[in-house]
Every structure is written in C-alpha cells, then in structure tokens.
Amino acid sequence: MRTPILILHVCGGIVGLLSGAAAVCFRKGSRLHAEAGNVFVASMLTMAAAGVTLAVMKFQPGNILGGALTMYLVGTSWMTAKGKHREAGIFDWSAFLLAFSLAGIELRWGIEAAMSPSGLKYDYPPGPYFFMGSVALMAGVGDLRMIVRQGIAGAPRLARHLWRMCFALFIASGSVFLARQRLFPVFMHKTGMLIFLSVAPLLVMIYWLIRMRLSHARTSKTVRRRAHPLISPSVHSA
C-alpha cells in the first residue's frame, strides 16, 4: 500500500509548490490569488496526510510531527482567511491544544536527542526538533492571543494568514530541495540554487510582513493626523 500513498504524497507536494508559488505571485485579494490558495490548501493537506500515513507505516515519529505541524499551519491559515472578523470557536481551541502538544513533544525530543550518546532521536539531531518546536510554540501563543481577544481582524489577521501559509510552503520546499538534493543536477548544488529555492518562502514572508507593517504604520499615522488637526473646531469658533 505504500506505493499509491507515496505517489499521492509526491503529487500533492508538487501541486502544492506550484500553487503556492502562484498564490505568492498573484495580487493579494484577487480571484486568482484566492483560487491558487484553495488549490494550495487542498494539495498541502493531501501531501501532509499522505506523509503522516507513510511515517506511521514506517515508524518515523519525527516525520509524523512534521506532517501534523504542516496540516495545522495550513488549516489555521485557511480558516483565518475565510472571515475578516471571525470569532474564536471549537476549531481554534483544538488548534491551540494541538500546537502546544506538538511544541512540547518537539522540544522534549530535542532535549533527548542532545543528551543521547548518538546525538539523535528517531534519526534526527536536536536542531530540527528545537526549530519546529519553537515554530509550534509561537503559533500556539498566537492562537491563545486570538482566543483571549475573541477573534482577529485587520492587519493581525492578514499577518497570521501570511506567515502560516508561507511557513507551510517552506516546509514543502525544504522537504524537496534540501532533503532530496540528489534528485537535482550538479549545477544546482554548486550555484546554491537549491538553498535559495528552499528558503524563498521565508524571504517572501519576511518581505510581506515588513511591507504590511510599514503600510499599517502609515495608515495609523494618517488617521491620527485627521483625528487631531492643528486647529480644533472649538479654537476656530472662538
């Protein structure tokens, strides 16, 4: 049964990379961006679910956590994009508990890997566990803040959607271009193209987060100026 699941996993990953790149290129909020994003969500969930299934069959606990984190990031990002003023519900509580559970397991296994004689835990060194665990912890904190504030809207909603989608795309690109470098021509190794393609989603994420931050700051400054003119109506009438 591994072969059809593996084919589904690979096809989902390829479609996910292509649709994710398309969603990044299309204008944000446009119909093409939304359609590419929907394809990205479906393909990434398919890829991750098939990957988790294979990891269970092969007993690869580290890959189970990676697939679960990918599904969590894609699912919460998609739900964030569905509504501009969506309030927290059962889905968000479940996602919050999942994120903190993944973070706890990842960080624990990272410590165990660091303390083991081989420096490994389920064939992985401490670094990946600490890195992915930190991402899960940060995401869980974001879920908790949204739940406490009873929803999310405006620039925080867009930032939440953006970084989760881009990081899920980074997991997919890293799984292809870094973890399977043997599949690519030699010149891609020598030129550093594989590394660039792997981290490109993170670079795009940083660019858009900074741009959104600056745009939000300019908008807030404009609103404050309009709310507090140099000559107030009362002074003018006097």
Protein backbone atom coordinates (compact mmCIF):
# COMPACT_ATOMS: atom_id res chain seq x y z
CA MET A 1 0.00 0.00 0.00
CA ARG A 2 2.98 2.32 0.29
CA THR A 3 3.34 2.95 -3.45
CA PRO A 4 -0.06 4.64 -4.10
CA ILE A 5 0.27 6.63 -0.87
CA LEU A 6 3.77 7.71 -1.88
CA ILE A 7 2.52 8.77 -5.32
CA LEU A 8 -0.27 10.78 -3.66
CA HIS A 9 2.29 12.36 -1.33
CA VAL A 10 4.62 13.34 -4.17
CA CYS A 11 1.84 14.66 -6.43
CA GLY A 12 0.36 16.68 -3.57
CA GLY A 13 3.77 18.18 -2.86
CA ILE A 14 4.38 19.15 -6.49
CA VAL A 15 0.97 20.76 -6.86
CA GLY A 16 1.45 22.46 -3.50
CA LEU A 17 4.76 24.02 -4.54
CA LEU A 18 3.37 25.25 -7.87
CA SER A 19 0.10 26.59 -6.46
CA GLY A 20 1.90 28.18 -3.51
CA ALA A 21 4.29 29.98 -5.85
CA ALA A 22 1.34 31.12 -7.96
CA ALA A 23 -0.54 32.43 -4.89
CA VAL A 24 2.53 34.44 -3.89
CA CYS A 25 2.83 35.97 -7.37
CA PHE A 26 -0.83 36.91 -7.85
CA ARG A 27 -2.15 40.16 -6.41
CA LYS A 28 -3.32 39.70 -2.83
CA GLY A 29 -7.09 39.63 -2.56
CA SER A 30 -7.61 38.90 -6.26
CA ARG A 31 -9.67 36.00 -7.60
CA LEU A 32 -6.57 34.25 -8.96
CA HIS A 33 -4.84 34.55 -5.59
CA ALA A 34 -7.85 33.02 -3.85
CA GLU A 35 -8.15 30.16 -6.34
CA ALA A 36 -4.43 29.38 -6.19
CA GLY A 37 -4.64 29.49 -2.41
CA ASN A 38 -7.51 26.99 -2.34
CA VAL A 39 -5.54 24.61 -4.57
CA PHE A 40 -2.54 25.08 -2.29
CA VAL A 41 -4.56 24.22 0.80
CA ALA A 42 -6.07 21.09 -0.73
CA SER A 43 -2.78 19.83 -2.15
CA MET A 44 -0.78 20.56 1.02
CA LEU A 45 -3.31 18.81 3.23
CA THR A 46 -3.22 15.84 0.86
CA MET A 47 0.58 15.80 0.86
CA ALA A 48 0.83 16.09 4.64
CA ALA A 49 -1.85 13.47 5.34
CA ALA A 50 -0.19 11.02 2.96
CA GLY A 51 3.19 11.81 4.53
CA VAL A 52 1.89 11.17 8.04
CA THR A 53 0.38 7.88 6.87
CA LEU A 54 3.70 6.78 5.39
CA ALA A 55 5.54 7.89 8.53
CA VAL A 56 3.21 5.78 10.69
CA MET A 57 3.70 2.76 8.43
CA LYS A 58 7.50 3.17 8.51
CA PHE A 59 7.59 4.22 12.19
CA GLN A 60 9.13 7.66 11.64
CA PRO A 61 7.85 9.73 14.60
CA GLY A 62 9.78 12.84 13.55
CA ASN A 63 8.03 12.91 10.18
CA ILE A 64 4.67 12.38 11.88
CA LEU A 65 5.22 15.59 13.85
CA GLY A 66 6.35 17.46 10.73
CA GLY A 67 3.27 16.40 8.78
CA ALA A 68 0.95 17.25 11.66
CA LEU A 69 2.51 20.71 12.00
CA THR A 70 2.11 21.30 8.27
CA MET A 71 -1.58 20.40 8.37
CA TYR A 72 -2.05 22.62 11.43
CA LEU A 73 -0.40 25.64 9.76
CA VAL A 74 -2.33 25.25 6.51
CA GLY A 75 -5.65 24.64 8.25
CA THR A 76 -5.40 27.59 10.65
CA SER A 77 -4.18 29.91 7.90
CA TRP A 78 -7.09 28.97 5.65
CA MET A 79 -9.61 29.44 8.45
CA THR A 80 -8.07 32.84 9.22
CA ALA A 81 -8.54 33.92 5.61
CA LYS A 82 -12.19 32.80 5.50
CA GLY A 83 -13.60 35.67 7.53
CA LYS A 84 -12.44 39.20 8.25
CA HIS A 85 -13.96 39.29 11.72
CA ARG A 86 -14.19 35.60 12.61
CA GLU A 87 -14.53 34.85 16.30
CA ALA A 88 -12.67 32.03 18.01
CA GLY A 89 -14.50 28.71 18.25
CA ILE A 90 -14.04 24.99 18.77
CA PHE A 91 -11.66 24.74 15.81
CA ASP A 92 -9.39 27.39 17.30
CA TRP A 93 -9.34 25.74 20.73
CA SER A 94 -8.47 22.40 19.13
CA ALA A 95 -5.74 24.03 17.03
CA PHE A 96 -4.34 25.74 20.12
CA LEU A 97 -4.12 22.44 22.02
CA LEU A 98 -2.56 20.71 19.01
CA ALA A 99 0.08 23.43 18.61
CA PHE A 100 1.16 23.28 22.25
CA SER A 101 1.16 19.47 22.19
CA LEU A 102 3.41 19.46 19.12
CA ALA A 103 5.67 22.08 20.69
CA GLY A 104 6.02 20.06 23.89
CA ILE A 105 6.88 16.84 22.07
CA GLU A 106 9.30 18.53 19.66
CA LEU A 107 11.18 20.32 22.44
CA ARG A 108 11.29 17.20 24.62
CA TRP A 109 12.67 15.09 21.78
CA GLY A 110 15.19 17.82 21.01
CA ILE A 111 16.49 17.65 24.57
CA GLU A 112 16.59 13.86 24.44
CA ALA A 113 18.50 13.98 21.15
CA ALA A 114 21.01 16.42 22.61
CA MET A 115 21.57 14.20 25.64
CA SER A 116 21.75 10.88 23.77
CA PRO A 117 25.16 9.29 23.00
CA SER A 118 24.44 9.31 19.26
CA GLY A 119 23.13 12.88 19.27
CA LEU A 120 19.97 11.66 17.54
CA LYS A 121 16.34 10.97 18.37
CA TYR A 122 14.46 8.93 15.77
CA ASP A 123 17.24 9.68 13.24
CA TYR A 124 17.08 13.46 13.73
CA PRO A 125 19.57 15.74 15.58
CA PRO A 126 18.37 18.30 18.16
CA GLY A 127 18.28 21.27 15.74
CA PRO A 128 15.19 20.34 13.70
CA TYR A 129 13.26 19.46 16.85
CA PHE A 130 14.07 22.78 18.54
CA PHE A 131 13.35 24.74 15.35
CA MET A 132 9.99 23.14 14.61
CA GLY A 133 9.08 23.13 18.29
CA SER A 134 9.72 26.88 18.51
CA VAL A 135 7.50 27.46 15.47
CA ALA A 136 4.71 25.38 17.01
CA LEU A 137 5.06 27.23 20.30
CA MET A 138 4.93 30.63 18.58
CA ALA A 139 1.86 29.56 16.63
CA GLY A 140 0.18 28.29 19.79
CA VAL A 141 0.81 31.60 21.54
CA GLY A 142 -0.81 33.33 18.57
CA ASP A 143 -3.84 31.06 18.88
CA LEU A 144 -4.14 31.86 22.58
CA ARG A 145 -3.98 35.60 21.94
CA MET A 146 -6.72 35.32 19.31
CA ILE A 147 -8.91 33.30 21.66
CA VAL A 148 -8.42 35.75 24.54
CA ARG A 149 -9.24 38.70 22.26
CA GLN A 150 -12.30 36.79 20.96
CA GLY A 151 -11.32 36.96 17.31
CA ILE A 152 -8.93 38.63 14.94
CA ALA A 153 -9.25 41.29 12.23
CA GLY A 154 -7.32 43.84 10.22
CA ALA A 155 -3.55 43.69 9.85
CA PRO A 156 -3.06 40.97 12.53
CA ARG A 157 -5.43 38.69 10.62
CA LEU A 158 -3.51 39.19 7.38
CA ALA A 159 -0.17 38.63 9.12
CA ARG A 160 -1.45 35.43 10.74
CA HIS A 161 -2.66 34.12 7.39
CA LEU A 162 0.54 35.11 5.60
CA TRP A 163 3.20 33.68 7.88
CA ARG A 164 1.43 30.36 8.40
CA MET A 165 0.93 29.78 4.68
CA CYS A 166 4.49 30.80 3.85
CA PHE A 167 5.97 28.60 6.56
CA ALA A 168 3.95 25.62 5.35
CA LEU A 169 5.29 26.32 1.86
CA PHE A 170 8.79 26.47 3.34
CA ILE A 171 8.33 23.01 4.88
CA ALA A 172 7.34 21.67 1.46
CA SER A 173 10.20 23.38 -0.38
CA GLY A 174 12.73 22.28 2.21
CA SER A 175 11.48 18.70 2.00
CA VAL A 176 12.13 18.73 -1.74
CA PHE A 177 15.15 20.95 -2.42
CA LEU A 178 17.15 20.33 0.76
CA ALA A 179 16.18 16.85 1.89
CA ARG A 180 16.38 15.36 -1.63
CA GLN A 181 19.26 17.21 -3.24
CA ARG A 182 20.38 14.02 -5.01
CA LEU A 183 17.41 14.35 -7.37
CA PHE A 184 18.71 17.60 -8.90
CA PRO A 185 21.55 18.41 -11.35
CA VAL A 186 25.03 19.16 -10.05
CA PHE A 187 24.98 22.80 -11.16
CA MET A 188 22.05 23.46 -8.80
CA HIS A 189 24.24 22.26 -5.93
CA LYS A 190 27.23 24.37 -6.91
CA THR A 191 25.29 27.59 -7.52
CA GLY A 192 23.35 27.43 -4.26
CA MET A 193 20.07 27.34 -6.17
CA LEU A 194 18.68 24.55 -4.02
CA ILE A 195 19.25 26.52 -0.84
CA PHE A 196 17.67 29.62 -2.37
CA LEU A 197 14.60 27.69 -3.55
CA SER A 198 14.27 26.19 -0.07
CA VAL A 199 14.34 29.47 1.84
CA ALA A 200 12.49 31.54 -0.80
CA PRO A 201 9.11 31.18 1.01
CA LEU A 202 10.69 32.60 4.18
CA LEU A 203 12.17 35.52 2.25
CA VAL A 204 8.77 36.25 0.72
CA MET A 205 7.17 36.01 4.16
CA ILE A 206 9.64 38.49 5.67
CA TYR A 207 9.17 40.91 2.75
CA TRP A 208 5.37 40.97 3.01
CA LEU A 209 5.35 41.18 6.81
CA ILE A 210 7.66 44.21 6.70
CA ARG A 211 5.60 45.79 3.91
CA MET A 212 2.37 45.23 5.83
CA ARG A 213 3.94 46.67 8.96
CA LEU A 214 5.06 49.83 7.18
CA SER A 215 1.71 50.22 5.43
CA HIS A 216 -0.16 49.82 8.71
CA ALA A 217 2.11 52.39 10.38
CA ARG A 218 1.48 54.93 7.60
CA THR A 219 -2.27 54.36 7.78
CA SER A 220 -2.31 54.76 11.57
CA LYS A 221 -0.29 57.97 11.30
CA THR A 222 -2.72 59.38 8.73
CA VAL A 223 -5.72 58.52 10.91
CA ARG A 224 -4.14 60.21 13.94
CA ARG A 225 -3.48 63.37 11.93
CA ARG A 226 -7.08 63.53 10.77
CA ALA A 227 -8.36 62.91 14.28
CA HIS A 228 -6.15 65.64 15.78
CA PRO A 229 -5.94 68.63 13.40
CA LEU A 230 -3.68 71.57 14.21
CA ILE A 231 -6.68 73.88 14.74
CA SER A 232 -9.59 72.24 16.52
CA PRO A 233 -13.19 73.37 15.76
CA SER A 234 -13.56 74.93 19.22
CA VAL A 235 -10.46 77.09 18.83
CA HIS A 236 -11.54 78.19 15.35
CA SER A 237 -15.00 79.24 16.54
CA ALA A 238 -13.54 81.21 19.43
